[in-house]
């Protein structure tokens, strides 16, 4: 399978776009397509979260607020509160290791629950 960061369907001015790329017990990979100003609200995950900005610029609100640009990544430990807001259109890749069994945004991003 080929994933294309230039897919125009990754961005929608009316809502955050969520695209599931990989889902297994050991990890999940999700792309979030933000248009400027869109936010992924404050939440936590039971997994280690690796956030990679593939395009654009986002503000990460976690223990320390950071601005991340394309090509930058950050690792958050399990159960660390965080939120993302797009400063300009952005494509963010989220890698969750291991797959979260219970995730505060599972319903919003359609992550399947694991037994």
PDB file of N, CA and C in Angstrom:
ATOM      1  N   UNK A   1       0.836  -1.169   0.000  1.00  0.00           N
ATOM      2  CA  UNK A   1       0.000   0.000   0.000  1.00  0.00           C
ATOM      3  C   UNK A   1       0.889   1.243   0.000  1.00  0.00           C
ATOM      4  N   UNK A   2       0.484   2.242  -0.747  1.00  0.00           N
ATOM      5  CA  UNK A   2       1.212   3.513  -0.812  1.00  0.00           C
ATOM      6  C   UNK A   2       0.364   4.587  -0.148  1.00  0.00           C
ATOM      7  N   UNK A   3       0.967   5.352   0.755  1.00  0.00           N
ATOM      8  CA  UNK A   3       0.311   6.482   1.408  1.00  0.00           C
ATOM      9  C   UNK A   3       0.906   7.750   0.831  1.00  0.00           C
ATOM     10  N   UNK A   4       0.066   8.686   0.435  1.00  0.00           N
ATOM     11  CA  UNK A   4       0.525   9.884  -0.257  1.00  0.00           C
ATOM     12  C   UNK A   4       0.233  11.136   0.565  1.00  0.00           C
ATOM     13  N   UNK A   5       1.281  11.827   1.014  1.00  0.00           N
ATOM     14  CA  UNK A   5       1.077  13.030   1.824  1.00  0.00           C
ATOM     15  C   UNK A   5       0.514  14.189   1.002  1.00  0.00           C
ATOM     16  N   UNK A   6       0.473  14.045  -0.306  1.00  0.00           N
ATOM     17  CA  UNK A   6      -0.057  15.104  -1.167  1.00  0.00           C
ATOM     18  C   UNK A   6      -1.517  14.858  -1.569  1.00  0.00           C
ATOM     19  N   UNK A   7      -2.165  13.899  -0.946  1.00  0.00           N
ATOM     20  CA  UNK A   7      -3.567  13.590  -1.229  1.00  0.00           C
ATOM     21  C   UNK A   7      -4.438  14.756  -0.750  1.00  0.00           C
ATOM     22  N   UNK A   8      -5.147  15.450  -1.648  1.00  0.00           N
ATOM     23  CA  UNK A   8      -5.956  16.602  -1.225  1.00  0.00           C
ATOM     24  C   UNK A   8      -7.103  16.226  -0.290  1.00  0.00           C
ATOM     25  N   UNK A   9      -7.483  14.963  -0.245  1.00  0.00           N
ATOM     26  CA  UNK A   9      -8.563  14.533   0.648  1.00  0.00           C
ATOM     27  C   UNK A   9      -8.121  14.472   2.113  1.00  0.00           C
ATOM     28  N   UNK A  10      -6.830  14.731   2.375  1.00  0.00           N
ATOM     29  CA  UNK A  10      -6.343  14.739   3.750  1.00  0.00           C
ATOM     30  C   UNK A  10      -6.712  16.026   4.491  1.00  0.00           C
ATOM     31  N   UNK A  11      -7.258  16.993   3.768  1.00  0.00           N
ATOM     32  CA  UNK A  11      -7.591  18.282   4.379  1.00  0.00           C
ATOM     33  C   UNK A  11      -9.047  18.625   4.094  1.00  0.00           C
ATOM     34  N   UNK A  12      -9.758  19.058   5.147  1.00  0.00           N
ATOM     35  CA  UNK A  12     -11.137  19.488   4.999  1.00  0.00           C
ATOM     36  C   UNK A  12     -11.347  20.677   5.931  1.00  0.00           C
ATOM     37  N   UNK A  13     -11.727  21.832   5.392  1.00  0.00           N
ATOM     38  CA  UNK A  13     -11.885  23.016   6.256  1.00  0.00           C
ATOM     39  C   UNK A  13     -12.998  22.880   7.285  1.00  0.00           C
ATOM     40  N   UNK A  14     -13.903  21.909   7.116  1.00  0.00           N
ATOM     41  CA  UNK A  14     -15.029  21.752   8.035  1.00  0.00           C
ATOM     42  C   UNK A  14     -14.725  20.846   9.231  1.00  0.00           C
ATOM     43  N   UNK A  15     -13.721  19.982   9.109  1.00  0.00           N
ATOM     44  CA  UNK A  15     -13.405  19.075  10.213  1.00  0.00           C
ATOM     45  C   UNK A  15     -12.022  18.476  10.033  1.00  0.00           C
ATOM     46  N   UNK A  16     -11.472  18.019  11.129  1.00  0.00           N
ATOM     47  CA  UNK A  16     -10.203  17.313  11.135  1.00  0.00           C
ATOM     48  C   UNK A  16     -10.358  16.012  10.352  1.00  0.00           C
ATOM     49  N   UNK A  17      -9.402  15.687   9.510  1.00  0.00           N
ATOM     50  CA  UNK A  17      -9.440  14.440   8.746  1.00  0.00           C
ATOM     51  C   UNK A  17      -8.566  13.408   9.459  1.00  0.00           C
ATOM     52  N   UNK A  18      -9.111  12.215   9.652  1.00  0.00           N
ATOM     53  CA  UNK A  18      -8.405  11.130  10.322  1.00  0.00           C
ATOM     54  C   UNK A  18      -8.323   9.957   9.365  1.00  0.00           C
ATOM     55  N   UNK A  19      -7.098   9.481   9.115  1.00  0.00           N
ATOM     56  CA  UNK A  19      -6.895   8.362   8.190  1.00  0.00           C
ATOM     57  C   UNK A  19      -6.070   7.283   8.897  1.00  0.00           C
ATOM     58  N   UNK A  20      -6.664   6.110   9.050  1.00  0.00           N
ATOM     59  CA  UNK A  20      -5.976   4.994   9.697  1.00  0.00           C
ATOM     60  C   UNK A  20      -5.142   4.251   8.666  1.00  0.00           C
ATOM     61  N   UNK A  21      -3.843   4.167   8.938  1.00  0.00           N
ATOM     62  CA  UNK A  21      -2.939   3.528   7.994  1.00  0.00           C
ATOM     63  C   UNK A  21      -2.560   2.111   8.404  1.00  0.00           C
ATOM     64  N   UNK A  22      -2.475   1.882   9.705  1.00  0.00           N
ATOM     65  CA  UNK A  22      -2.006   0.587  10.189  1.00  0.00           C
ATOM     66  C   UNK A  22      -2.613   0.334  11.558  1.00  0.00           C
ATOM     67  N   UNK A  23      -3.044  -0.897  11.793  1.00  0.00           N
ATOM     68  CA  UNK A  23      -3.670  -1.232  13.054  1.00  0.00           C
ATOM     69  C   UNK A  23      -3.356  -2.683  13.402  1.00  0.00           C
ATOM     70  N   UNK A  24      -2.598  -2.883  14.470  1.00  0.00           N
ATOM     71  CA  UNK A  24      -2.265  -4.229  14.945  1.00  0.00           C
ATOM     72  C   UNK A  24      -2.089  -4.152  16.460  1.00  0.00           C
ATOM     73  N   UNK A  25      -1.960  -5.289  17.114  1.00  0.00           N
ATOM     74  CA  UNK A  25      -1.806  -5.289  18.562  1.00  0.00           C
ATOM     75  C   UNK A  25      -0.588  -4.496  19.021  1.00  0.00           C
ATOM     76  N   UNK A  26       0.481  -4.548  18.272  1.00  0.00           N
ATOM     77  CA  UNK A  26       1.736  -3.925  18.700  1.00  0.00           C
ATOM     78  C   UNK A  26       1.841  -2.445  18.351  1.00  0.00           C
ATOM     79  N   UNK A  27       1.004  -1.926  17.452  1.00  0.00           N
ATOM     80  CA  UNK A  27       1.101  -0.511  17.072  1.00  0.00           C
ATOM     81  C   UNK A  27      -0.100  -0.083  16.251  1.00  0.00           C
ATOM     82  N   UNK A  28      -0.324   1.219  16.235  1.00  0.00           N
ATOM     83  CA  UNK A  28      -1.314   1.828  15.348  1.00  0.00           C
ATOM     84  C   UNK A  28      -0.667   3.068  14.747  1.00  0.00           C
ATOM     85  N   UNK A  29      -0.947   3.318  13.468  1.00  0.00           N
ATOM     86  CA  UNK A  29      -0.446   4.514  12.790  1.00  0.00           C
ATOM     87  C   UNK A  29      -1.649   5.233  12.204  1.00  0.00           C
ATOM     88  N   UNK A  30      -1.743   6.525  12.541  1.00  0.00           N
ATOM     89  CA  UNK A  30      -2.871   7.338  12.113  1.00  0.00           C
ATOM     90  C   UNK A  30      -2.344   8.655  11.565  1.00  0.00           C
ATOM     91  N   UNK A  31      -2.928   9.123  10.465  1.00  0.00           N
ATOM     92  CA  UNK A  31      -2.636  10.460   9.949  1.00  0.00           C
ATOM     93  C   UNK A  31      -3.773  11.384  10.314  1.00  0.00           C
ATOM     94  N   UNK A  32      -3.423  12.605  10.718  1.00  0.00           N
ATOM     95  CA  UNK A  32      -4.389  13.660  10.998  1.00  0.00           C
ATOM     96  C   UNK A  32      -4.120  14.804  10.030  1.00  0.00           C
ATOM     97  N   UNK A  33      -5.119  15.167   9.257  1.00  0.00           N
ATOM     98  CA  UNK A  33      -5.013  16.298   8.339  1.00  0.00           C
ATOM     99  C   UNK A  33      -5.718  17.503   8.937  1.00  0.00           C
ATOM    100  N   UNK A  34      -4.959  18.525   9.276  1.00  0.00           N
ATOM    101  CA  UNK A  34      -5.488  19.737   9.892  1.00  0.00           C
ATOM    102  C   UNK A  34      -5.479  20.876   8.883  1.00  0.00           C
ATOM    103  N   UNK A  35      -6.514  21.695   8.866  1.00  0.00           N
ATOM    104  CA  UNK A  35      -6.407  22.994   8.223  1.00  0.00           C
ATOM    105  C   UNK A  35      -6.121  23.989   9.344  1.00  0.00           C
ATOM    106  N   UNK A  36      -5.563  25.139   8.982  1.00  0.00           N
ATOM    107  CA  UNK A  36      -5.141  26.131   9.971  1.00  0.00           C
ATOM    108  C   UNK A  36      -6.250  26.405  10.976  1.00  0.00           C
ATOM    109  N   UNK A  37      -5.907  26.337  12.269  1.00  0.00           N
ATOM    110  CA  UNK A  37      -6.853  26.609  13.336  1.00  0.00           C
ATOM    111  C   UNK A  37      -7.565  25.391  13.894  1.00  0.00           C
ATOM    112  N   UNK A  38      -7.572  24.276  13.185  1.00  0.00           N
ATOM    113  CA  UNK A  38      -8.236  23.075  13.702  1.00  0.00           C
ATOM    114  C   UNK A  38      -7.438  22.485  14.860  1.00  0.00           C
ATOM    115  N   UNK A  39      -8.171  21.866  15.796  1.00  0.00           N
ATOM    116  CA  UNK A  39      -7.567  21.350  17.025  1.00  0.00           C
ATOM    117  C   UNK A  39      -7.974  19.910  17.274  1.00  0.00           C
ATOM    118  N   UNK A  40      -7.043  19.127  17.765  1.00  0.00           N
ATOM    119  CA  UNK A  40      -7.325  17.820  18.346  1.00  0.00           C
ATOM    120  C   UNK A  40      -7.306  18.065  19.846  1.00  0.00           C
ATOM    121  N   UNK A  41      -8.455  18.004  20.471  1.00  0.00           N
ATOM    122  CA  UNK A  41      -8.610  18.436  21.865  1.00  0.00           C
ATOM    123  C   UNK A  41      -7.719  17.664  22.840  1.00  0.00           C
ATOM    124  N   UNK A  42      -7.584  18.217  24.024  1.00  0.00           N
ATOM    125  CA  UNK A  42      -6.763  17.623  25.072  1.00  0.00           C
ATOM    126  C   UNK A  42      -7.237  16.198  25.367  1.00  0.00           C
ATOM    127  N   UNK A  43      -6.289  15.273  25.443  1.00  0.00           N
ATOM    128  CA  UNK A  43      -6.597  13.869  25.699  1.00  0.00           C
ATOM    129  C   UNK A  43      -5.347  13.158  26.189  1.00  0.00           C
ATOM    130  N   UNK A  44      -5.490  11.892  26.551  1.00  0.00           N
ATOM    131  CA  UNK A  44      -4.370  11.030  26.912  1.00  0.00           C
ATOM    132  C   UNK A  44      -4.529   9.713  26.178  1.00  0.00           C
ATOM    133  N   UNK A  45      -3.459   8.986  26.075  1.00  0.00           N
ATOM    134  CA  UNK A  45      -3.505   7.643  25.520  1.00  0.00           C
ATOM    135  C   UNK A  45      -2.745   6.704  26.445  1.00  0.00           C
ATOM    136  N   UNK A  46      -3.108   5.453  26.439  1.00  0.00           N
ATOM    137  CA  UNK A  46      -2.432   4.458  27.262  1.00  0.00           C
ATOM    138  C   UNK A  46      -1.139   3.986  26.618  1.00  0.00           C
ATOM    139  N   UNK A  47      -0.835   4.486  25.441  1.00  0.00           N
ATOM    140  CA  UNK A  47       0.349   4.081  24.696  1.00  0.00           C
ATOM    141  C   UNK A  47       1.380   5.202  24.656  1.00  0.00           C
ATOM    142  N   UNK A  48       2.613   4.841  24.333  1.00  0.00           N
ATOM    143  CA  UNK A  48       3.604   5.847  23.963  1.00  0.00           C
ATOM    144  C   UNK A  48       3.136   6.427  22.638  1.00  0.00           C
ATOM    145  N   UNK A  49       3.167   7.751  22.507  1.00  0.00           N
ATOM    146  CA  UNK A  49       2.726   8.422  21.281  1.00  0.00           C
ATOM    147  C   UNK A  49       3.923   9.101  20.633  1.00  0.00           C
ATOM    148  N   UNK A  50       4.175   8.747  19.394  1.00  0.00           N
ATOM    149  CA  UNK A  50       5.220   9.410  18.612  1.00  0.00           C
ATOM    150  C   UNK A  50       4.506  10.273  17.591  1.00  0.00           C
ATOM    151  N   UNK A  51       4.671  11.576  17.722  1.00  0.00           N
ATOM    152  CA  UNK A  51       3.997  12.545  16.864  1.00  0.00           C
ATOM    153  C   UNK A  51       5.016  13.088  15.879  1.00  0.00           C
ATOM    154  N   UNK A  52       4.738  12.919  14.587  1.00  0.00           N
ATOM    155  CA  UNK A  52       5.643  13.370  13.527  1.00  0.00           C
ATOM    156  C   UNK A  52       4.885  14.332  12.624  1.00  0.00           C
ATOM    157  N   UNK A  53       5.420  15.523  12.434  1.00  0.00           N
ATOM    158  CA  UNK A  53       4.797  16.484  11.534  1.00  0.00           C
ATOM    159  C   UNK A  53       5.375  16.238  10.140  1.00  0.00           C
ATOM    160  N   UNK A  54       4.514  15.809   9.225  1.00  0.00           N
ATOM    161  CA  UNK A  54       4.940  15.510   7.853  1.00  0.00           C
ATOM    162  C   UNK A  54       4.878  16.747   6.971  1.00  0.00           C
ATOM    163  N   UNK A  55       3.888  17.618   7.222  1.00  0.00           N
ATOM    164  CA  UNK A  55       3.736  18.875   6.498  1.00  0.00           C
ATOM    165  C   UNK A  55       3.168  19.906   7.454  1.00  0.00           C
ATOM    166  N   UNK A  56       3.504  21.168   7.238  1.00  0.00           N
ATOM    167  CA  UNK A  56       2.895  22.254   7.984  1.00  0.00           C
ATOM    168  C   UNK A  56       3.523  22.523   9.330  1.00  0.00           C
ATOM    169  N   UNK A  57       2.738  23.207  10.185  1.00  0.00           N
ATOM    170  CA  UNK A  57       3.195  23.607  11.519  1.00  0.00           C
ATOM    171  C   UNK A  57       2.051  23.407  12.503  1.00  0.00           C
ATOM    172  N   UNK A  58       2.357  22.809  13.663  1.00  0.00           N
ATOM    173  CA  UNK A  58       1.363  22.614  14.716  1.00  0.00           C
ATOM    174  C   UNK A  58       1.917  23.083  16.059  1.00  0.00           C
ATOM    175  N   UNK A  59       0.999  23.422  16.946  1.00  0.00           N
ATOM    176  CA  UNK A  59       1.355  23.714  18.333  1.00  0.00           C
ATOM    177  C   UNK A  59       0.955  22.503  19.154  1.00  0.00           C
ATOM    178  N   UNK A  60       1.916  21.955  19.875  1.00  0.00           N
ATOM    179  CA  UNK A  60       1.667  20.829  20.774  1.00  0.00           C
ATOM    180  C   UNK A  60       1.562  21.379  22.185  1.00  0.00           C
ATOM    181  N   UNK A  61       0.428  21.174  22.804  1.00  0.00           N
ATOM    182  CA  UNK A  61       0.249  21.536  24.207  1.00  0.00           C
ATOM    183  C   UNK A  61       0.343  20.256  25.011  1.00  0.00           C
ATOM    184  N   UNK A  62       1.450  20.113  25.709  1.00  0.00           N
ATOM    185  CA  UNK A  62       1.678  18.957  26.569  1.00  0.00           C
ATOM    186  C   UNK A  62       2.294  19.506  27.850  1.00  0.00           C
ATOM    187  N   UNK A  63       3.153  18.745  28.498  1.00  0.00           N
ATOM    188  CA  UNK A  63       3.810  19.241  29.706  1.00  0.00           C
ATOM    189  C   UNK A  63       4.514  20.564  29.417  1.00  0.00           C
ATOM    190  N   UNK A  64       5.065  20.675  28.216  1.00  0.00           N
ATOM    191  CA  UNK A  64       5.684  21.910  27.734  1.00  0.00           C
ATOM    192  C   UNK A  64       5.070  22.207  26.379  1.00  0.00           C
ATOM    193  N   UNK A  65       4.661  23.461  26.140  1.00  0.00           N
ATOM    194  CA  UNK A  65       4.126  23.833  24.831  1.00  0.00           C
ATOM    195  C   UNK A  65       5.282  23.933  23.840  1.00  0.00           C
ATOM    196  N   UNK A  66       5.086  23.354  22.660  1.00  0.00           N
ATOM    197  CA  UNK A  66       6.110  23.366  21.621  1.00  0.00           C
ATOM    198  C   UNK A  66       5.469  23.626  20.273  1.00  0.00           C
ATOM    199  N   UNK A  67       6.194  24.292  19.401  1.00  0.00           N
ATOM    200  CA  UNK A  67       5.768  24.443  18.017  1.00  0.00           C
ATOM    201  C   UNK A  67       6.613  23.468  17.206  1.00  0.00           C
ATOM    202  N   UNK A  68       5.924  22.611  16.447  1.00  0.00           N
ATOM    203  CA  UNK A  68       6.593  21.595  15.634  1.00  0.00           C
ATOM    204  C   UNK A  68       6.343  21.883  14.169  1.00  0.00           C
ATOM    205  N   UNK A  69       7.403  21.819  13.382  1.00  0.00           N
ATOM    206  CA  UNK A  69       7.318  22.056  11.942  1.00  0.00           C
ATOM    207  C   UNK A  69       7.567  20.755  11.197  1.00  0.00           C
ATOM    208  N   UNK A  70       7.251  20.779   9.909  1.00  0.00           N
ATOM    209  CA  UNK A  70       7.476  19.604   9.060  1.00  0.00           C
ATOM    210  C   UNK A  70       8.898  19.091   9.264  1.00  0.00           C
ATOM    211  N   UNK A  71       8.990  17.773   9.465  1.00  0.00           N
ATOM    212  CA  UNK A  71      10.281  17.142   9.672  1.00  0.00           C
ATOM    213  C   UNK A  71      10.640  16.952  11.132  1.00  0.00           C
ATOM    214  N   UNK A  72       9.830  17.489  12.048  1.00  0.00           N
ATOM    215  CA  UNK A  72      10.114  17.336  13.471  1.00  0.00           C
ATOM    216  C   UNK A  72       9.180  16.308  14.098  1.00  0.00           C
ATOM    217  N   UNK A  73       9.683  15.654  15.144  1.00  0.00           N
ATOM    218  CA  UNK A  73       8.925  14.622  15.858  1.00  0.00           C
ATOM    219  C   UNK A  73       9.111  14.811  17.347  1.00  0.00           C
ATOM    220  N   UNK A  74       8.180  14.270  18.103  1.00  0.00           N
ATOM    221  CA  UNK A  74       8.280  14.276  19.555  1.00  0.00           C
ATOM    222  C   UNK A  74       7.666  12.981  20.077  1.00  0.00           C
ATOM    223  N   UNK A  75       8.204  12.494  21.178  1.00  0.00           N
ATOM    224  CA  UNK A  75       7.660  11.301  21.822  1.00  0.00           C
ATOM    225  C   UNK A  75       7.017  11.710  23.134  1.00  0.00           C
ATOM    226  N   UNK A  76       5.793  11.262  23.353  1.00  0.00           N
ATOM    227  CA  UNK A  76       5.088  11.487  24.611  1.00  0.00           C
ATOM    228  C   UNK A  76       4.909  10.150  25.311  1.00  0.00           C
ATOM    229  N   UNK A  77       5.105  10.150  26.601  1.00  0.00           N
ATOM    230  CA  UNK A  77       4.927   8.927  27.374  1.00  0.00           C
ATOM    231  C   UNK A  77       3.437   8.629  27.541  1.00  0.00           C
ATOM    232  N   UNK A  78       3.133   7.396  27.856  1.00  0.00           N
ATOM    233  CA  UNK A  78       1.746   6.998  28.095  1.00  0.00           C
ATOM    234  C   UNK A  78       1.138   7.862  29.193  1.00  0.00           C
ATOM    235  N   UNK A  79      -0.132   8.168  29.042  1.00  0.00           N
ATOM    236  CA  UNK A  79      -0.917   8.927  30.016  1.00  0.00           C
ATOM    237  C   UNK A  79      -0.514  10.387  30.149  1.00  0.00           C
ATOM    238  N   UNK A  80       0.216  10.928  29.195  1.00  0.00           N
ATOM    239  CA  UNK A  80       0.574  12.345  29.205  1.00  0.00           C
ATOM    240  C   UNK A  80      -0.494  13.136  28.448  1.00  0.00           C
ATOM    241  N   UNK A  81      -1.091  14.102  29.108  1.00  0.00           N
ATOM    242  CA  UNK A  81      -2.096  14.951  28.460  1.00  0.00           C
ATOM    243  C   UNK A  81      -1.445  15.744  27.341  1.00  0.00           C
ATOM    244  N   UNK A  82      -2.176  15.861  26.219  1.00  0.00           N
ATOM    245  CA  UNK A  82      -1.668  16.658  25.105  1.00  0.00           C
ATOM    246  C   UNK A  82      -2.810  17.041  24.172  1.00  0.00           C
ATOM    247  N   UNK A  83      -2.582  18.102  23.418  1.00  0.00           N
ATOM    248  CA  UNK A  83      -3.515  18.573  22.399  1.00  0.00           C
ATOM    249  C   UNK A  83      -2.683  19.138  21.258  1.00  0.00           C
ATOM    250  N   UNK A  84      -3.262  19.167  20.067  1.00  0.00           N
ATOM    251  CA  UNK A  84      -2.585  19.716  18.894  1.00  0.00           C
ATOM    252  C   UNK A  84      -3.476  20.754  18.236  1.00  0.00           C
ATOM    253  N   UNK A  85      -2.876  21.859  17.804  1.00  0.00           N
ATOM    254  CA  UNK A  85      -3.578  22.882  17.048  1.00  0.00           C
ATOM    255  C   UNK A  85      -2.730  23.245  15.848  1.00  0.00           C
ATOM    256  N   UNK A  86      -3.348  23.290  14.672  1.00  0.00           N
ATOM    257  CA  UNK A  86      -2.616  23.636  13.450  1.00  0.00           C
ATOM    258  C   UNK A  86      -2.420  25.144  13.364  1.00  0.00           C
ATOM    259  N   UNK A  87      -1.187  25.564  13.227  1.00  0.00           N
ATOM    260  CA  UNK A  87      -0.871  26.970  12.990  1.00  0.00           C
ATOM    261  C   UNK A  87      -1.081  27.274  11.507  1.00  0.00           C
ATOM    262  N   UNK A  88      -0.696  26.328  10.668  1.00  0.00           N
ATOM    263  CA  UNK A  88      -1.024  26.361   9.246  1.00  0.00           C
ATOM    264  C   UNK A  88      -1.382  24.940   8.844  1.00  0.00           C
ATOM    265  N   UNK A  89      -1.949  24.747   7.678  1.00  0.00           N
ATOM    266  CA  UNK A  89      -2.331  23.396   7.271  1.00  0.00           C
ATOM    267  C   UNK A  89      -1.204  22.425   7.605  1.00  0.00           C
ATOM    268  N   UNK A  90      -1.587  21.274   8.170  1.00  0.00           N
ATOM    269  CA  UNK A  90      -0.569  20.332   8.631  1.00  0.00           C
ATOM    270  C   UNK A  90      -1.055  18.897   8.477  1.00  0.00           C
ATOM    271  N   UNK A  91      -0.102  18.027   8.195  1.00  0.00           N
ATOM    272  CA  UNK A  91      -0.339  16.591   8.201  1.00  0.00           C
ATOM    273  C   UNK A  91       0.539  16.000   9.288  1.00  0.00           C
ATOM    274  N   UNK A  92      -0.099  15.336  10.250  1.00  0.00           N
ATOM    275  CA  UNK A  92       0.604  14.792  11.407  1.00  0.00           C
ATOM    276  C   UNK A  92       0.429  13.283  11.417  1.00  0.00           C
ATOM    277  N   UNK A  93       1.538  12.582  11.591  1.00  0.00           N
ATOM    278  CA  UNK A  93       1.493  11.121  11.736  1.00  0.00           C
ATOM    279  C   UNK A  93       1.627  10.785  13.209  1.00  0.00           C
ATOM    280  N   UNK A  94       0.714   9.965  13.684  1.00  0.00           N
ATOM    281  CA  UNK A  94       0.734   9.501  15.062  1.00  0.00           C
ATOM    282  C   UNK A  94       1.028   8.010  15.050  1.00  0.00           C
ATOM    283  N   UNK A  95       2.054   7.612  15.803  1.00  0.00           N
ATOM    284  CA  UNK A  95       2.377   6.203  15.984  1.00  0.00           C
ATOM    285  C   UNK A  95       2.134   5.891  17.457  1.00  0.00           C
ATOM    286  N   UNK A  96       1.256   4.925  17.726  1.00  0.00           N
ATOM    287  CA  UNK A  96       0.940   4.512  19.091  1.00  0.00           C
ATOM    288  C   UNK A  96       1.519   3.127  19.324  1.00  0.00           C
ATOM    289  N   UNK A  97       2.376   3.009  20.353  1.00  0.00           N
ATOM    290  CA  UNK A  97       3.049   1.746  20.642  1.00  0.00           C
ATOM    291  C   UNK A  97       2.893   1.428  22.124  1.00  0.00           C
ATOM    292  N   UNK A  98       2.332   0.299  22.498  1.00  0.00           N
ATOM    293  CA  UNK A  98       1.558  -0.622  21.672  1.00  0.00           C
ATOM    294  C   UNK A  98       0.200  -0.010  21.349  1.00  0.00           C
ATOM    295  N   UNK A  99      -0.586  -0.741  20.588  1.00  0.00           N
ATOM    296  CA  UNK A  99      -1.930  -0.275  20.261  1.00  0.00           C
ATOM    297  C   UNK A  99      -2.672   0.010  21.572  1.00  0.00           C
ATOM    298  N   UNK A 100      -3.333   1.148  21.673  1.00  0.00           N
ATOM    299  CA  UNK A 100      -4.025   1.459  22.933  1.00  0.00           C
ATOM    300  C   UNK A 100      -5.242   0.559  23.148  1.00  0.00           C
ATOM    301  N   UNK A 101      -5.329   0.016  24.332  1.00  0.00           N
ATOM    302  CA  UNK A 101      -6.502  -0.794  24.652  1.00  0.00           C
ATOM    303  C   UNK A 101      -7.688   0.091  24.980  1.00  0.00           C
ATOM    304  N   UNK A 102      -7.409   1.197  25.624  1.00  0.00           N
ATOM    305  CA  UNK A 102      -8.449   2.159  25.958  1.00  0.00           C
ATOM    306  C   UNK A 102      -7.884   3.526  25.632  1.00  0.00           C
ATOM    307  N   UNK A 103      -8.539   4.251  24.795  1.00  0.00           N
ATOM    308  CA  UNK A 103      -8.039   5.546  24.356  1.00  0.00           C
ATOM    309  C   UNK A 103      -9.152   6.572  24.471  1.00  0.00           C
ATOM    310  N   UNK A 104      -8.838   7.713  25.024  1.00  0.00           N
ATOM    311  CA  UNK A 104      -9.870   8.715  25.270  1.00  0.00           C
ATOM    312  C   UNK A 104     -10.503   9.236  23.993  1.00  0.00           C
ATOM    313  N   UNK A 105      -9.833   9.103  22.860  1.00  0.00           N
ATOM    314  CA  UNK A 105     -10.392   9.556  21.588  1.00  0.00           C
ATOM    315  C   UNK A 105     -10.754   8.392  20.673  1.00  0.00           C
ATOM    316  N   UNK A 106     -10.839   7.194  21.211  1.00  0.00           N
ATOM    317  CA  UNK A 106     -11.090   6.029  20.371  1.00  0.00           C
ATOM    318  C   UNK A 106     -12.328   6.204  19.506  1.00  0.00           C
ATOM    319  N   UNK A 107     -13.390   6.701  20.067  1.00  0.00           N
ATOM    320  CA  UNK A 107     -14.622   6.859  19.311  1.00  0.00           C
ATOM    321  C   UNK A 107     -14.461   7.912  18.211  1.00  0.00           C
ATOM    322  N   UNK A 108     -13.836   9.043  18.553  1.00  0.00           N
ATOM    323  CA  UNK A 108     -13.680  10.133  17.600  1.00  0.00           C
ATOM    324  C   UNK A 108     -12.804   9.756  16.404  1.00  0.00           C
ATOM    325  N   UNK A 109     -11.782   8.930  16.658  1.00  0.00           N
ATOM    326  CA  UNK A 109     -10.875   8.566  15.568  1.00  0.00           C
ATOM    327  C   UNK A 109     -11.060   7.113  15.111  1.00  0.00           C
ATOM    328  N   UNK A 110     -12.121   6.474  15.569  1.00  0.00           N
ATOM    329  CA  UNK A 110     -12.495   5.128  15.147  1.00  0.00           C
ATOM    330  C   UNK A 110     -11.414   4.077  15.377  1.00  0.00           C
ATOM    331  N   UNK A 111     -10.680   4.197  16.481  1.00  0.00           N
ATOM    332  CA  UNK A 111      -9.711   3.154  16.799  1.00  0.00           C
ATOM    333  C   UNK A 111     -10.436   1.960  17.394  1.00  0.00           C
ATOM    334  N   UNK A 112     -10.231   0.777  16.853  1.00  0.00           N
ATOM    335  CA  UNK A 112     -10.889  -0.399  17.425  1.00  0.00           C
ATOM    336  C   UNK A 112     -10.318  -0.720  18.795  1.00  0.00           C
ATOM    337  N   UNK A 113     -11.164  -1.169  19.694  1.00  0.00           N
ATOM    338  CA  UNK A 113     -10.695  -1.578  21.021  1.00  0.00           C
ATOM    339  C   UNK A 113     -10.113  -2.965  20.925  1.00  0.00           C
ATOM    340  N   UNK A 114      -9.107  -3.206  21.737  1.00  0.00           N
ATOM    341  CA  UNK A 114      -8.460  -4.509  21.786  1.00  0.00           C
ATOM    342  C   UNK A 114      -8.896  -5.225  23.061  1.00  0.00           C
ATOM    343  N   UNK A 115      -9.073  -6.549  22.992  1.00  0.00           N
ATOM    344  CA  UNK A 115      -9.455  -7.298  24.197  1.00  0.00           C
ATOM    345  C   UNK A 115      -8.328  -7.326  25.223  1.00  0.00           C
TER     346      UNK A 115
END
